[in-house]
Amino acid sequence: MNLRRADENDIPAIMVVIRKVVPLMRAAGNLQWDDAYPNPEVFMRDIAKKQLWVAQIDDSGTSTIAGVAAITEDQEPEYARVGWDINEPAIVVHRVAVDPEYRGRGIAEALMRQAEVVAAERGIHVLRVDTNSQNQATQRLFPKLGYTFFGETELGFRPNLRFLCYQKRLQEEAR
């Protein structure tokens, strides 16, 4: 597996992953994503900000985008409702998706670990992530990676849905 920043040429492959993931999410009662979000424009903005990462798998001489995540510093204003200081610099992971054909191969975990690398490079010691209250997979993954549940909130851009907020603090180096 190779983790790298996405470029605009990756958009079609990323959208293939999204089109596979959305129906499975919805079938499980997770209505966080739909046909309108996330879309190519959202991913293009992530690419323009150099915050979109892909997990690329090389199988049998072909290279496939197997996962995607936006590793950002973008905090939702509603995060303050769970007691977070949204003025504190934090790396926030958004739009994590793994192609169902590649589940169980550690792709989501690798993308989340990449967020820790980005945080360390930027001297940021807080990582945050939210997930739909119906997303059982991420609710298992985040604690496994050392994230602590902080609370539940709504997000203005996805009304009528509940989101669980998780945080991880990295060790600050002794000076």
C-alpha atoms as a PDB file:
ATOM      1  CA  MET A   1       0.000   0.000   0.000  1.00  0.00           C
ATOM      2  CA  ASN A   2       1.204   3.472  -0.886  1.00  0.00           C
ATOM      3  CA  LEU A   3      -0.215   6.576   0.788  1.00  0.00           C
ATOM      4  CA  ARG A   4       0.134   9.780  -1.188  1.00  0.00           C
ATOM      5  CA  ARG A   5      -1.529  13.106  -1.765  1.00  0.00           C
ATOM      6  CA  ALA A   6      -4.277  12.895  -4.342  1.00  0.00           C
ATOM      7  CA  ASP A   7      -4.249  14.878  -7.559  1.00  0.00           C
ATOM      8  CA  GLU A   8      -7.060  15.771  -9.945  1.00  0.00           C
ATOM      9  CA  ASN A   9      -6.382  12.679 -12.055  1.00  0.00           C
ATOM     10  CA  ASP A  10      -7.488  10.587  -9.060  1.00  0.00           C
ATOM     11  CA  ILE A  11     -11.009  12.069  -8.930  1.00  0.00           C
ATOM     12  CA  PRO A  12     -12.668   9.454 -11.199  1.00  0.00           C
ATOM     13  CA  ALA A  13     -11.190   6.579  -9.156  1.00  0.00           C
ATOM     14  CA  ILE A  14     -12.122   8.273  -5.878  1.00  0.00           C
ATOM     15  CA  MET A  15     -15.691   8.668  -7.093  1.00  0.00           C
ATOM     16  CA  VAL A  16     -15.802   4.964  -7.978  1.00  0.00           C
ATOM     17  CA  VAL A  17     -14.950   4.226  -4.339  1.00  0.00           C
ATOM     18  CA  ILE A  18     -17.617   6.670  -3.115  1.00  0.00           C
ATOM     19  CA  ARG A  19     -20.259   5.155  -5.423  1.00  0.00           C
ATOM     20  CA  LYS A  20     -19.487   1.721  -3.946  1.00  0.00           C
ATOM     21  CA  VAL A  21     -19.481   2.907  -0.333  1.00  0.00           C
ATOM     22  CA  VAL A  22     -22.619   5.099  -0.253  1.00  0.00           C
ATOM     23  CA  PRO A  23     -25.180   2.326  -0.934  1.00  0.00           C
ATOM     24  CA  LEU A  24     -23.577   0.130   1.743  1.00  0.00           C
ATOM     25  CA  MET A  25     -23.654   2.986   4.251  1.00  0.00           C
ATOM     26  CA  ARG A  26     -27.277   3.746   3.509  1.00  0.00           C
ATOM     27  CA  ALA A  27     -28.260   0.068   3.713  1.00  0.00           C
ATOM     28  CA  ALA A  28     -26.758   0.021   7.221  1.00  0.00           C
ATOM     29  CA  GLY A  29     -28.842   3.041   8.235  1.00  0.00           C
ATOM     30  CA  ASN A  30     -25.934   5.487   7.946  1.00  0.00           C
ATOM     31  CA  LEU A  31     -27.345   8.439   5.993  1.00  0.00           C
ATOM     32  CA  GLN A  32     -24.242  10.608   6.343  1.00  0.00           C
ATOM     33  CA  TRP A  33     -23.441  10.471   2.617  1.00  0.00           C
ATOM     34  CA  ASP A  34     -25.684  10.416  -0.447  1.00  0.00           C
ATOM     35  CA  ASP A  35     -25.639  11.070  -4.190  1.00  0.00           C
ATOM     36  CA  ALA A  36     -24.855  14.749  -3.600  1.00  0.00           C
ATOM     37  CA  TYR A  37     -22.121  14.490  -0.946  1.00  0.00           C
ATOM     38  CA  PRO A  38     -19.247  13.913  -1.111  1.00  0.00           C
ATOM     39  CA  ASN A  39     -18.865  14.974  -4.722  1.00  0.00           C
ATOM     40  CA  PRO A  40     -16.013  15.726  -7.151  1.00  0.00           C
ATOM     41  CA  GLU A  41     -16.105  19.439  -6.291  1.00  0.00           C
ATOM     42  CA  VAL A  42     -15.527  18.699  -2.584  1.00  0.00           C
ATOM     43  CA  PHE A  43     -12.583  16.473  -3.444  1.00  0.00           C
ATOM     44  CA  MET A  44     -11.195  19.056  -5.880  1.00  0.00           C
ATOM     45  CA  ARG A  45     -11.227  21.641  -3.072  1.00  0.00           C
ATOM     46  CA  ASP A  46      -9.381  19.151  -0.854  1.00  0.00           C
ATOM     47  CA  ILE A  47      -6.796  18.626  -3.599  1.00  0.00           C
ATOM     48  CA  ALA A  48      -6.378  22.369  -4.110  1.00  0.00           C
ATOM     49  CA  LYS A  49      -5.672  22.682  -0.360  1.00  0.00           C
ATOM     50  CA  LYS A  50      -3.243  19.711  -0.535  1.00  0.00           C
ATOM     51  CA  GLN A  51      -5.260  17.875   2.111  1.00  0.00           C
ATOM     52  CA  LEU A  52      -6.615  14.848   0.247  1.00  0.00           C
ATOM     53  CA  TRP A  53      -4.786  11.547   0.627  1.00  0.00           C
ATOM     54  CA  VAL A  54      -5.318   8.261  -1.163  1.00  0.00           C
ATOM     55  CA  ALA A  55      -4.296   4.715  -0.360  1.00  0.00           C
ATOM     56  CA  GLN A  56      -3.092   3.062  -3.525  1.00  0.00           C
ATOM     57  CA  ILE A  57      -2.814  -0.713  -3.861  1.00  0.00           C
ATOM     58  CA  ASP A  58      -0.646  -2.318  -6.497  1.00  0.00           C
ATOM     59  CA  ASP A  59      -2.106  -5.717  -7.403  1.00  0.00           C
ATOM     60  CA  SER A  60      -1.039  -7.795 -10.372  1.00  0.00           C
ATOM     61  CA  GLY A  61       0.676  -4.914 -12.113  1.00  0.00           C
ATOM     62  CA  THR A  62      -2.282  -2.547 -11.790  1.00  0.00           C
ATOM     63  CA  SER A  63      -2.617   0.333  -9.379  1.00  0.00           C
ATOM     64  CA  THR A  64      -5.949   0.953  -7.673  1.00  0.00           C
ATOM     65  CA  ILE A  65      -7.216   3.682  -5.365  1.00  0.00           C
ATOM     66  CA  ALA A  66      -8.510   1.643  -2.433  1.00  0.00           C
ATOM     67  CA  GLY A  67      -9.152   4.422   0.059  1.00  0.00           C
ATOM     68  CA  VAL A  68      -9.345   8.156   0.546  1.00  0.00           C
ATOM     69  CA  ALA A  69      -9.285  10.650   3.425  1.00  0.00           C
ATOM     70  CA  ALA A  70      -9.152  14.406   3.783  1.00  0.00           C
ATOM     71  CA  ILE A  71      -6.559  15.298   6.427  1.00  0.00           C
ATOM     72  CA  THR A  72      -7.371  18.893   7.278  1.00  0.00           C
ATOM     73  CA  GLU A  73      -7.292  21.590   9.930  1.00  0.00           C
ATOM     74  CA  ASP A  74     -10.975  22.321   9.249  1.00  0.00           C
ATOM     75  CA  GLN A  75     -13.037  22.201  12.441  1.00  0.00           C
ATOM     76  CA  GLU A  76     -16.802  22.470  12.395  1.00  0.00           C
ATOM     77  CA  PRO A  77     -18.211  25.240  14.645  1.00  0.00           C
ATOM     78  CA  GLU A  78     -20.506  22.630  16.241  1.00  0.00           C
ATOM     79  CA  TYR A  79     -17.436  20.873  17.693  1.00  0.00           C
ATOM     80  CA  ALA A  80     -17.506  23.490  20.466  1.00  0.00           C
ATOM     81  CA  ARG A  81     -20.719  21.824  21.718  1.00  0.00           C
ATOM     82  CA  VAL A  82     -18.740  18.768  22.843  1.00  0.00           C
ATOM     83  CA  GLY A  83     -16.312  20.928  24.813  1.00  0.00           C
ATOM     84  CA  TRP A  84     -13.551  21.272  22.258  1.00  0.00           C
ATOM     85  CA  ASP A  85     -11.704  24.556  21.898  1.00  0.00           C
ATOM     86  CA  ILE A  86     -12.056  24.950  18.138  1.00  0.00           C
ATOM     87  CA  ASN A  87      -9.428  27.696  18.195  1.00  0.00           C
ATOM     88  CA  GLU A  88      -6.863  25.132  19.315  1.00  0.00           C
ATOM     89  CA  PRO A  89      -4.971  23.869  16.249  1.00  0.00           C
ATOM     90  CA  ALA A  90      -6.032  20.325  15.401  1.00  0.00           C
ATOM     91  CA  ILE A  91      -5.721  17.899  12.532  1.00  0.00           C
ATOM     92  CA  VAL A  92      -9.218  16.786  11.592  1.00  0.00           C
ATOM     93  CA  VAL A  93      -9.903  13.785   9.385  1.00  0.00           C
ATOM     94  CA  HIS A  94     -12.916  13.992   7.083  1.00  0.00           C
ATOM     95  CA  ARG A  95     -14.350  11.909   4.226  1.00  0.00           C
ATOM     96  CA  VAL A  96     -12.694   8.567   5.001  1.00  0.00           C
ATOM     97  CA  ALA A  97     -13.782   5.880   2.562  1.00  0.00           C
ATOM     98  CA  VAL A  98     -12.422   2.440   1.725  1.00  0.00           C
ATOM     99  CA  ASP A  99     -13.383   0.444  -1.337  1.00  0.00           C
ATOM    100  CA  PRO A 100     -15.424  -2.535  -0.053  1.00  0.00           C
ATOM    101  CA  GLU A 101     -13.212  -4.877  -2.090  1.00  0.00           C
ATOM    102  CA  TYR A 102     -10.239  -3.852   0.067  1.00  0.00           C
ATOM    103  CA  ARG A 103     -11.833  -3.807   3.525  1.00  0.00           C
ATOM    104  CA  GLY A 104      -9.970  -5.644   6.235  1.00  0.00           C
ATOM    105  CA  ARG A 105      -6.558  -4.722   4.825  1.00  0.00           C
ATOM    106  CA  GLY A 106      -5.812  -1.869   7.230  1.00  0.00           C
ATOM    107  CA  ILE A 107      -6.497   0.930   4.751  1.00  0.00           C
ATOM    108  CA  ALA A 108      -8.631   3.124   7.032  1.00  0.00           C
ATOM    109  CA  GLU A 109      -6.133   2.613   9.836  1.00  0.00           C
ATOM    110  CA  ALA A 110      -3.245   3.603   7.540  1.00  0.00           C
ATOM    111  CA  LEU A 111      -5.061   6.758   6.472  1.00  0.00           C
ATOM    112  CA  MET A 112      -5.774   7.655  10.107  1.00  0.00           C
ATOM    113  CA  ARG A 113      -2.114   7.043  10.981  1.00  0.00           C
ATOM    114  CA  GLN A 114      -1.160   9.374   8.122  1.00  0.00           C
ATOM    115  CA  ALA A 115      -3.102  12.078   9.962  1.00  0.00           C
ATOM    116  CA  GLU A 116      -0.705  11.562  12.879  1.00  0.00           C
ATOM    117  CA  VAL A 117       2.258  12.008  10.517  1.00  0.00           C
ATOM    118  CA  VAL A 118       0.765  15.238   9.156  1.00  0.00           C
ATOM    119  CA  ALA A 119       0.113  16.448  12.712  1.00  0.00           C
ATOM    120  CA  ALA A 120       3.706  15.737  13.748  1.00  0.00           C
ATOM    121  CA  GLU A 121       5.055  17.518  10.662  1.00  0.00           C
ATOM    122  CA  ARG A 122       2.982  20.595  11.560  1.00  0.00           C
ATOM    123  CA  GLY A 123       3.722  20.495  15.277  1.00  0.00           C
ATOM    124  CA  ILE A 124       0.046  19.883  16.083  1.00  0.00           C
ATOM    125  CA  HIS A 125      -0.733  17.611  19.025  1.00  0.00           C
ATOM    126  CA  VAL A 126      -4.504  17.162  18.711  1.00  0.00           C
ATOM    127  CA  LEU A 127      -6.337  14.954  16.234  1.00  0.00           C
ATOM    128  CA  ARG A 128     -10.112  15.065  15.865  1.00  0.00           C
ATOM    129  CA  VAL A 129     -12.670  13.170  13.858  1.00  0.00           C
ATOM    130  CA  ASP A 130     -16.433  12.845  13.743  1.00  0.00           C
ATOM    131  CA  THR A 131     -18.594  10.039  12.467  1.00  0.00           C
ATOM    132  CA  ASN A 132     -22.273   9.441  11.960  1.00  0.00           C
ATOM    133  CA  SER A 133     -23.924   7.826  14.963  1.00  0.00           C
ATOM    134  CA  GLN A 134     -24.912   4.917  12.706  1.00  0.00           C
ATOM    135  CA  ASN A 135     -21.369   4.185  11.471  1.00  0.00           C
ATOM    136  CA  GLN A 136     -20.454   1.126  13.507  1.00  0.00           C
ATOM    137  CA  ALA A 137     -17.148   0.477  11.704  1.00  0.00           C
ATOM    138  CA  THR A 138     -15.614   3.829  12.611  1.00  0.00           C
ATOM    139  CA  GLN A 139     -16.969   3.598  16.156  1.00  0.00           C
ATOM    140  CA  ARG A 140     -14.871   0.434  16.525  1.00  0.00           C
ATOM    141  CA  LEU A 141     -11.843   1.814  14.657  1.00  0.00           C
ATOM    142  CA  PHE A 142     -11.302   5.143  16.397  1.00  0.00           C
ATOM    143  CA  PRO A 143     -10.944   3.798  19.980  1.00  0.00           C
ATOM    144  CA  LYS A 144      -8.664   1.048  18.651  1.00  0.00           C
ATOM    145  CA  LEU A 145      -6.379   3.827  17.340  1.00  0.00           C
ATOM    146  CA  GLY A 146      -6.314   5.631  20.674  1.00  0.00           C
ATOM    147  CA  TYR A 147      -9.126   8.130  20.112  1.00  0.00           C
ATOM    148  CA  THR A 148     -11.392   9.033  23.022  1.00  0.00           C
ATOM    149  CA  PHE A 149     -15.115   9.617  22.595  1.00  0.00           C
ATOM    150  CA  PHE A 150     -15.912  13.232  23.493  1.00  0.00           C
ATOM    151  CA  GLY A 151     -19.602  13.649  22.794  1.00  0.00           C
ATOM    152  CA  GLU A 152     -22.353  13.882  20.249  1.00  0.00           C
ATOM    153  CA  THR A 153     -23.495  16.821  18.117  1.00  0.00           C
ATOM    154  CA  GLU A 154     -25.354  17.796  14.986  1.00  0.00           C
ATOM    155  CA  LEU A 155     -23.535  19.368  12.048  1.00  0.00           C
ATOM    156  CA  GLY A 156     -25.219  22.183  10.191  1.00  0.00           C
ATOM    157  CA  PHE A 157     -24.349  20.900   6.748  1.00  0.00           C
ATOM    158  CA  ARG A 158     -25.992  17.508   7.461  1.00  0.00           C
ATOM    159  CA  PRO A 159     -29.198  18.406   9.385  1.00  0.00           C
ATOM    160  CA  ASN A 160     -31.144  15.788  11.343  1.00  0.00           C
ATOM    161  CA  LEU A 161     -28.115  13.508  11.723  1.00  0.00           C
ATOM    162  CA  ARG A 162     -26.125  12.889  14.898  1.00  0.00           C
ATOM    163  CA  PHE A 163     -22.329  12.786  14.872  1.00  0.00           C
ATOM    164  CA  LEU A 164     -20.022  11.262  17.440  1.00  0.00           C
ATOM    165  CA  CYS A 165     -16.834  13.212  18.100  1.00  0.00           C
ATOM    166  CA  TYR A 166     -13.496  11.587  18.938  1.00  0.00           C
ATOM    167  CA  GLN A 167     -10.150  13.095  19.859  1.00  0.00           C
ATOM    168  CA  LYS A 168      -6.586  11.894  20.279  1.00  0.00           C
ATOM    169  CA  ARG A 169      -3.730  13.816  21.868  1.00  0.00           C
ATOM    170  CA  LEU A 170      -0.237  13.106  20.672  1.00  0.00           C
ATOM    171  CA  GLN A 171       2.705  13.290  23.032  1.00  0.00           C
ATOM    172  CA  GLU A 172       4.472  16.626  22.915  1.00  0.00           C
ATOM    173  CA  GLU A 173       8.219  16.259  22.618  1.00  0.00           C
ATOM    174  CA  ALA A 174      10.195  17.298  25.669  1.00  0.00           C
ATOM    175  CA  ARG A 175      11.926  20.558  24.956  1.00  0.00           C
END
